[in-house]
Amino acid sequence: MTYIDTMPSTAAMTDKDRRVILGASLGTIFEFYDFFLIGLLATEIARHSSPA
């Protein structure tokens, strides 16, 4: 009986792959930060933008 490797070997991650992952991660972090700030300031924005 022989051993069969079920997981194919993959190439190491390149510098370009690392830059893509870093860029996508930073974009996600900035987007969530933006949503967080808008959520916190939503009542103040509504108070100043609507006629009272």
N, C-alpha and C. Protein backbone atom coordinates (compact mmCIF):
# COMPACT_ATOMS: atom_id res chain seq x y z
N MET A 1 0.85 -1.17 0.00
CA MET A 1 0.00 0.00 0.00
C MET A 1 0.90 1.24 0.00
N THR A 2 0.54 2.23 -0.82
CA THR A 2 1.36 3.43 -0.90
C THR A 2 0.61 4.62 -0.32
N TYR A 3 1.40 5.58 0.13
CA TYR A 3 0.84 6.80 0.70
C TYR A 3 0.56 7.78 -0.43
N ILE A 4 -0.66 8.33 -0.44
CA ILE A 4 -1.04 9.31 -1.45
C ILE A 4 -1.23 10.65 -0.76
N ASP A 5 -0.49 11.65 -1.23
CA ASP A 5 -0.61 12.99 -0.67
C ASP A 5 -1.87 13.64 -1.21
N THR A 6 -2.83 13.93 -0.35
CA THR A 6 -4.10 14.49 -0.80
C THR A 6 -4.06 16.00 -0.92
N MET A 7 -3.14 16.66 -0.24
CA MET A 7 -3.02 18.10 -0.33
C MET A 7 -1.91 18.46 -1.30
N PRO A 8 -2.25 19.17 -2.36
CA PRO A 8 -1.19 19.55 -3.31
C PRO A 8 -0.26 20.58 -2.68
N SER A 9 0.99 20.54 -3.06
CA SER A 9 1.93 21.53 -2.55
C SER A 9 1.67 22.86 -3.22
N THR A 10 1.77 23.92 -2.46
CA THR A 10 1.52 25.25 -3.00
C THR A 10 2.80 26.06 -2.97
N ALA A 11 2.86 27.04 -3.82
CA ALA A 11 4.03 27.91 -3.87
C ALA A 11 4.00 28.86 -2.68
N ALA A 12 5.16 29.35 -2.32
CA ALA A 12 5.24 30.32 -1.23
C ALA A 12 4.57 31.62 -1.64
N MET A 13 4.13 32.37 -0.66
CA MET A 13 3.47 33.64 -0.92
C MET A 13 4.50 34.66 -1.41
N THR A 14 4.16 35.35 -2.48
CA THR A 14 5.09 36.33 -3.05
C THR A 14 4.90 37.69 -2.39
N ASP A 15 5.81 38.60 -2.70
CA ASP A 15 5.72 39.95 -2.16
C ASP A 15 4.45 40.64 -2.66
N LYS A 16 4.07 40.36 -3.89
CA LYS A 16 2.84 40.96 -4.43
C LYS A 16 1.62 40.47 -3.66
N ASP A 17 1.59 39.18 -3.32
CA ASP A 17 0.48 38.64 -2.54
C ASP A 17 0.39 39.32 -1.18
N ARG A 18 1.53 39.54 -0.56
CA ARG A 18 1.54 40.20 0.76
C ARG A 18 1.02 41.64 0.65
N ARG A 19 1.42 42.34 -0.42
CA ARG A 19 0.95 43.71 -0.60
C ARG A 19 -0.55 43.76 -0.85
N VAL A 20 -1.07 42.80 -1.60
CA VAL A 20 -2.52 42.75 -1.85
C VAL A 20 -3.27 42.50 -0.55
N ILE A 21 -2.79 41.57 0.26
CA ILE A 21 -3.44 41.27 1.54
C ILE A 21 -3.37 42.48 2.47
N LEU A 22 -2.22 43.14 2.52
CA LEU A 22 -2.07 44.32 3.37
C LEU A 22 -2.99 45.44 2.90
N GLY A 23 -3.05 45.69 1.61
CA GLY A 23 -3.91 46.75 1.08
C GLY A 23 -5.39 46.47 1.35
N ALA A 24 -5.80 45.24 1.15
CA ALA A 24 -7.20 44.88 1.40
C ALA A 24 -7.54 45.00 2.89
N SER A 25 -6.61 44.60 3.75
CA SER A 25 -6.83 44.69 5.19
C SER A 25 -6.92 46.15 5.64
N LEU A 26 -6.02 46.99 5.14
CA LEU A 26 -6.07 48.41 5.51
C LEU A 26 -7.34 49.06 4.99
N GLY A 27 -7.77 48.73 3.79
CA GLY A 27 -9.02 49.28 3.27
C GLY A 27 -10.21 48.89 4.12
N THR A 28 -10.24 47.66 4.57
CA THR A 28 -11.32 47.20 5.44
C THR A 28 -11.31 47.91 6.78
N ILE A 29 -10.12 48.09 7.34
CA ILE A 29 -10.00 48.78 8.64
C ILE A 29 -10.48 50.21 8.51
N PHE A 30 -10.05 50.92 7.46
CA PHE A 30 -10.48 52.31 7.27
C PHE A 30 -11.98 52.41 7.06
N GLU A 31 -12.54 51.47 6.33
CA GLU A 31 -13.98 51.48 6.07
C GLU A 31 -14.77 51.28 7.37
N PHE A 32 -14.37 50.33 8.19
CA PHE A 32 -15.07 50.11 9.46
C PHE A 32 -14.90 51.31 10.39
N TYR A 33 -13.73 51.94 10.37
CA TYR A 33 -13.51 53.14 11.18
C TYR A 33 -14.45 54.25 10.73
N ASP A 34 -14.63 54.41 9.43
CA ASP A 34 -15.53 55.41 8.89
C ASP A 34 -16.97 55.13 9.33
N PHE A 35 -17.40 53.88 9.22
CA PHE A 35 -18.75 53.52 9.67
C PHE A 35 -18.92 53.77 11.16
N PHE A 36 -17.90 53.49 11.94
CA PHE A 36 -17.94 53.71 13.39
C PHE A 36 -18.12 55.19 13.70
N LEU A 37 -17.34 56.05 13.03
CA LEU A 37 -17.46 57.49 13.28
C LEU A 37 -18.82 58.03 12.86
N ILE A 38 -19.30 57.62 11.70
CA ILE A 38 -20.62 58.08 11.26
C ILE A 38 -21.71 57.60 12.22
N GLY A 39 -21.57 56.37 12.70
CA GLY A 39 -22.56 55.86 13.66
C GLY A 39 -22.56 56.66 14.95
N LEU A 40 -21.37 57.03 15.42
CA LEU A 40 -21.30 57.82 16.65
C LEU A 40 -21.83 59.24 16.45
N LEU A 41 -21.58 59.79 15.30
CA LEU A 41 -21.95 61.19 15.06
C LEU A 41 -23.30 61.35 14.37
N ALA A 42 -24.02 60.28 14.14
CA ALA A 42 -25.29 60.35 13.38
C ALA A 42 -26.30 61.27 14.05
N THR A 43 -26.41 61.23 15.36
CA THR A 43 -27.40 62.09 16.04
C THR A 43 -27.00 63.56 15.94
N GLU A 44 -25.72 63.85 16.06
CA GLU A 44 -25.26 65.24 15.94
C GLU A 44 -25.44 65.75 14.52
N ILE A 45 -25.15 64.91 13.55
CA ILE A 45 -25.32 65.31 12.15
C ILE A 45 -26.80 65.58 11.87
N ALA A 46 -27.68 64.72 12.35
CA ALA A 46 -29.11 64.90 12.15
C ALA A 46 -29.61 66.15 12.86
N ARG A 47 -29.11 66.41 14.04
CA ARG A 47 -29.55 67.57 14.82
C ARG A 47 -29.17 68.87 14.10
N HIS A 48 -28.01 68.92 13.50
CA HIS A 48 -27.54 70.15 12.85
C HIS A 48 -28.03 70.29 11.41
N SER A 49 -28.47 69.22 10.80
CA SER A 49 -28.87 69.30 9.40
C SER A 49 -30.38 69.43 9.23
N SER A 50 -31.15 69.13 10.25
CA SER A 50 -32.61 69.21 10.10
C SER A 50 -33.11 70.49 10.75
N PRO A 51 -34.14 71.08 10.16
CA PRO A 51 -34.70 72.30 10.78
C PRO A 51 -35.44 71.95 12.06
N ALA A 52 -35.19 72.71 13.08
CA ALA A 52 -35.85 72.44 14.36
C ALA A 52 -36.71 73.60 14.67
